[in-house]
Protein backbone atom coordinates (compact mmCIF):
# COMPACT_ATOMS: atom_id res chain seq x y z
CA MET A 1 10.12 -15.82 -17.65
CA GLY A 2 8.07 -18.84 -18.70
CA THR A 3 4.33 -18.98 -19.34
CA ALA A 4 3.66 -20.84 -16.08
CA GLU A 5 5.49 -18.23 -14.01
CA LEU A 6 3.70 -15.38 -15.80
CA VAL A 7 0.26 -16.91 -15.24
CA ALA A 8 1.01 -17.67 -11.59
CA GLY A 9 2.26 -14.11 -11.05
CA LEU A 10 -0.81 -12.60 -12.69
CA ILE A 11 -3.09 -14.68 -10.46
CA VAL A 12 -1.22 -13.61 -7.32
CA PHE A 13 -1.32 -9.94 -8.30
CA ALA A 14 -5.03 -10.20 -9.14
CA VAL A 15 -5.65 -11.44 -5.59
CA GLY A 16 -3.59 -8.53 -4.24
CA CYS A 17 -5.53 -6.04 -6.36
CA THR A 18 -8.79 -7.51 -5.07
CA ILE A 19 -7.62 -7.02 -1.48
CA GLN A 20 -6.68 -3.42 -2.28
CA GLY A 21 -10.06 -2.80 -3.87
CA VAL A 22 -11.96 -4.14 -0.86
CA ILE A 23 -9.89 -2.79 2.04
CA GLY A 24 -8.07 0.18 0.53
CA PHE A 25 -4.51 -1.15 0.79
CA GLY A 26 -2.59 -4.42 0.83
CA ALA A 27 -1.89 -5.28 -2.82
CA GLY A 28 1.86 -4.93 -2.49
CA LEU A 29 1.96 -6.35 1.01
CA PHE A 30 0.25 -9.53 -0.17
CA SER A 31 1.71 -9.98 -3.62
CA ILE A 32 5.30 -8.70 -3.64
CA PRO A 33 6.83 -11.41 -1.39
CA ILE A 34 5.10 -14.13 -3.43
CA LEU A 35 5.94 -12.55 -6.79
CA ALA A 36 9.59 -12.32 -5.79
CA GLN A 37 9.58 -16.07 -5.16
CA ILE A 38 7.82 -16.88 -8.46
CA ASP A 39 10.18 -14.73 -10.53
CA PRO A 40 12.25 -11.72 -9.40
CA GLN A 41 11.45 -9.96 -12.69
CA PHE A 42 8.02 -9.07 -11.29
CA VAL A 43 9.48 -6.72 -8.67
CA PRO A 44 9.88 -3.90 -8.12
CA GLY A 45 9.56 -2.28 -11.55
CA PRO A 46 6.43 -3.92 -13.03
CA VAL A 47 4.49 -3.71 -9.76
CA ILE A 48 5.33 -0.02 -9.36
CA MET A 49 4.39 0.66 -12.98
CA ALA A 50 0.99 -1.02 -12.51
CA SER A 51 0.26 0.68 -9.18
CA PRO A 52 -0.86 4.15 -10.39
CA LEU A 53 -3.50 2.62 -12.65
CA MET A 54 -4.65 0.17 -9.98
CA THR A 55 -4.99 2.76 -7.22
CA GLY A 56 -6.36 5.33 -9.66
CA LEU A 57 -9.18 3.00 -10.72
CA PHE A 58 -10.12 2.26 -7.12
CA ALA A 59 -10.03 5.93 -6.16
CA TRP A 60 -12.10 6.89 -9.22
CA ARG A 61 -14.73 4.22 -8.53
CA GLU A 62 -15.67 5.87 -5.22
CA ARG A 63 -14.39 9.35 -6.04
CA ALA A 64 -17.37 11.10 -4.47
CA ALA A 65 -16.25 9.83 -1.05
CA VAL A 66 -12.63 11.05 -1.22
CA ASN A 67 -11.80 13.14 1.85
CA ILE A 68 -9.98 15.93 0.00
CA GLY A 69 -9.04 17.85 3.14
CA ALA A 70 -7.46 14.84 4.83
CA LEU A 71 -5.81 13.70 1.62
CA LYS A 72 -4.17 17.09 1.12
CA TRP A 73 -2.45 17.12 4.50
CA ALA A 74 -1.40 13.48 4.27
CA LEU A 75 0.22 14.08 0.88
CA VAL A 76 2.04 17.17 2.15
CA GLY A 77 3.42 15.06 4.98
CA ARG A 78 4.42 12.26 2.62
CA VAL A 79 7.05 14.38 0.87
CA PRO A 80 9.43 14.89 3.84
CA GLY A 81 8.65 11.34 4.94
CA VAL A 82 9.96 9.96 1.65
CA VAL A 83 13.12 12.05 1.93
CA LEU A 84 13.73 10.99 5.54
CA GLY A 85 13.09 7.36 4.62
CA ALA A 86 15.73 7.52 1.89
CA LEU A 87 18.21 9.14 4.30
CA ALA A 88 17.45 6.56 6.99
CA LEU A 89 18.48 3.76 4.66
CA THR A 90 21.95 5.27 4.47
CA ALA A 91 22.32 5.40 8.26
CA VAL A 92 20.33 2.43 9.62
CA SER A 93 19.96 -1.08 8.23
CA GLU A 94 16.58 -2.02 6.75
CA ASP A 95 16.43 -4.98 9.14
CA ARG A 96 16.50 -2.76 12.22
CA LEU A 97 13.93 -0.42 10.74
CA GLY A 98 11.69 -3.42 9.95
CA VAL A 99 11.70 -4.61 13.56
CA LEU A 100 11.08 -1.08 14.85
CA PHE A 101 8.16 -0.38 12.54
CA GLY A 102 6.70 -3.85 13.12
CA LEU A 103 6.63 -3.22 16.85
CA LEU A 104 5.20 0.28 16.38
CA LEU A 105 2.41 -1.08 14.20
CA LEU A 106 1.49 -3.70 16.79
CA VAL A 107 1.43 -1.03 19.52
CA GLY A 108 -0.72 1.19 17.29
CA ILE A 109 -3.15 -1.65 16.62
CA GLY A 110 -3.36 -2.40 20.33
CA LEU A 111 -4.13 1.22 21.14
CA LYS A 112 -6.79 1.34 18.44
CA VAL A 113 -8.43 -1.86 19.65
CA SER A 114 -8.44 -0.46 23.18
CA GLY A 115 -10.62 2.41 21.99
CA LEU A 116 -8.08 5.18 21.52
CA GLN A 117 -9.36 7.78 19.07
CA ILE A 118 -6.99 9.97 17.08
CA ARG A 119 -8.54 13.18 15.80
CA ARG A 120 -7.79 13.68 12.14
CA THR A 121 -6.39 17.18 12.54
CA PRO A 122 -4.08 18.66 9.87
CA THR A 123 -1.12 18.06 12.19
CA ALA A 124 -2.04 14.42 12.80
CA LEU A 125 -2.63 13.79 9.09
CA PHE A 126 0.66 15.46 8.19
CA GLY A 127 2.43 13.19 10.68
CA VAL A 128 0.69 10.03 9.51
CA GLY A 129 1.36 10.88 5.87
CA GLY A 130 5.01 11.42 6.74
CA LEU A 131 5.20 8.10 8.57
CA ALA A 132 3.58 6.33 5.63
CA GLY A 133 6.09 7.89 3.26
CA PHE A 134 8.97 7.09 5.59
CA MET A 135 7.95 3.44 5.97
CA GLY A 136 7.07 3.00 2.33
CA THR A 137 10.49 4.27 1.25
CA SER A 138 12.61 2.55 3.89
CA VAL A 139 10.93 -0.84 4.34
CA GLY A 140 8.42 -0.99 1.49
CA VAL A 141 5.28 -1.09 3.67
CA GLY A 142 3.54 2.27 3.92
CA GLY A 143 -0.17 1.47 3.99
CA PRO A 144 -0.97 0.52 7.60
CA PRO A 145 -0.23 3.87 9.34
CA ILE A 146 -2.70 5.88 7.30
CA ALA A 147 -5.21 3.01 7.11
CA LEU A 148 -5.36 2.80 10.91
CA VAL A 149 -6.21 6.51 11.13
CA PHE A 150 -9.19 6.06 8.80
CA HIS A 151 -10.33 2.64 10.10
CA ASP A 152 -13.59 3.95 11.62
CA GLU A 153 -14.77 5.85 8.54
CA SER A 154 -17.18 4.50 5.92
CA GLY A 155 -15.92 1.92 3.47
CA PRO A 156 -16.09 4.24 0.45
CA GLU A 157 -14.16 7.00 2.25
CA ILE A 158 -11.44 4.63 3.45
CA ARG A 159 -10.94 3.01 0.08
CA SER A 160 -11.14 6.13 -2.07
CA THR A 161 -8.96 8.33 0.15
CA LEU A 162 -6.30 5.68 0.72
CA ASN A 163 -6.13 4.75 -2.94
CA ALA A 164 -5.89 8.41 -3.97
CA PHE A 165 -3.02 8.77 -1.49
CA PHE A 166 -1.25 5.71 -2.89
CA MET A 167 -1.89 6.76 -6.48
CA VAL A 168 0.01 10.01 -5.99
CA GLY A 169 2.73 8.23 -4.01
CA ALA A 170 3.17 5.50 -6.63
CA SER A 171 3.28 8.11 -9.40
CA MET A 172 6.03 9.96 -7.52
CA SER A 173 8.04 6.74 -7.13
CA LEU A 174 7.49 5.87 -10.78
CA ALA A 175 8.70 9.29 -11.94
CA VAL A 176 11.84 9.13 -9.77
CA LEU A 177 12.75 5.60 -10.86
CA ALA A 178 12.12 6.46 -14.52
CA ALA A 179 14.35 9.53 -14.22
CA PHE A 180 17.17 7.30 -12.99
CA GLY A 181 16.65 4.81 -15.79
CA ARG A 182 15.56 1.98 -13.51
CA PHE A 183 13.04 0.53 -16.00
CA GLY A 184 13.83 -1.64 -18.99
CA GLY A 185 11.91 -3.13 -21.87
CA ASP A 186 11.16 -6.32 -19.93
CA ASP A 187 9.58 -4.27 -17.13
CA LEU A 188 7.25 -2.60 -19.63
CA VAL A 189 6.14 -5.92 -21.11
CA ILE A 190 5.50 -7.55 -17.72
CA SER A 191 3.66 -4.49 -16.39
CA ALA A 192 1.43 -4.52 -19.48
CA TRP A 193 0.44 -8.11 -18.69
CA MET A 194 -0.18 -7.14 -15.06
CA LEU A 195 -2.84 -4.69 -16.15
CA LEU A 196 -5.02 -7.77 -16.69
CA SER A 197 -4.66 -8.51 -12.97
CA VAL A 198 -5.63 -4.93 -12.15
CA LEU A 199 -8.82 -5.18 -14.20
CA ILE A 200 -9.69 -8.59 -12.68
CA GLY A 201 -9.13 -7.24 -9.17
CA PHE A 202 -11.22 -4.18 -9.99
CA ALA A 203 -14.11 -6.36 -11.19
CA ILE A 204 -14.02 -8.90 -8.36
CA SER A 205 -13.61 -6.35 -5.56
CA GLY A 206 -16.71 -4.45 -6.67
CA PRO A 207 -19.35 -6.80 -5.24
CA LEU A 208 -17.11 -7.82 -2.32
CA ARG A 209 -17.04 -4.27 -0.94
CA SER A 210 -20.59 -4.47 0.38
CA VAL A 211 -19.71 -7.60 2.37
CA LEU A 212 -16.92 -5.94 4.35
CA ASP A 213 -18.86 -2.70 4.71
CA ARG A 214 -21.31 -4.54 6.98
CA GLY A 215 -19.07 -4.07 10.00
CA TRP A 216 -16.10 -6.11 8.77
CA LEU A 217 -13.94 -3.42 7.19
CA SER A 218 -12.40 -2.11 10.41
CA PRO A 219 -11.39 -5.61 11.61
CA ALA A 220 -9.97 -6.25 8.14
CA VAL A 221 -7.80 -3.12 8.47
CA TYR A 222 -6.57 -4.34 11.85
CA LEU A 223 -5.84 -7.80 10.48
CA MET A 224 -3.96 -6.57 7.42
CA SER A 225 -1.96 -4.11 9.55
CA ALA A 226 -1.05 -6.90 11.99
CA VAL A 227 0.05 -9.08 9.08
CA ALA A 228 2.21 -6.20 7.84
CA ALA A 229 3.81 -5.86 11.28
CA ILE A 230 4.57 -9.58 11.50
CA VAL A 231 5.92 -9.68 7.94
CA LEU A 232 8.25 -6.75 8.68
CA MET A 233 9.63 -8.36 11.83
CA VAL A 234 10.00 -11.85 10.34
CA ARG A 235 11.65 -10.49 7.20
CA SER A 236 14.07 -8.48 9.34
CA VAL A 237 15.01 -11.34 11.67
CA VAL A 238 15.18 -14.26 9.26
């Protein structure tokens, strides 16, 4: 990887980290497709290795607002979701799953915009956590389901709870991939450079949070979820 590619990748990931710090999710959704085009060495290893620190910093920054009760049930649901997502990949092509989940996300956004309210009961959170784990494992996009459930909460609660959820999830993925020897020396070097992007995103997103918290955070969640749905369907069809 040349210097130009490294710098371009770090800038892209810094933008993704900023989005994650402001909305609560979206770093991977924004940056991974672009990073793969700049240089395939950026994904998936280095991004996954940088994710626990990134999400951990964002969760820690607003740690007082973490919804522990909701987080607990969502994480419990994530475990079987991850297993089912891995099994689904052996039975159904990723392209078909991408179209299905893209359509489901658009339907979910439509229902939310129409005013449908989903009570955050333990059962609902377990199900949403499972869906997030299933989607994250099978098609690589797991943020929108749980983000849509929290869209009407305060900015600090959305960001801190979602990032805590993703921190644990990313750590699980990191541990599994490390156990199977999926990381090499190059991944470690690139991920170390990407920590600069994490710190830049952390710094820039700080003052930007107050802007979206003035009534713009919920629309931002809708917009990012719609983008995820479109990306899934386009990636599956093209």
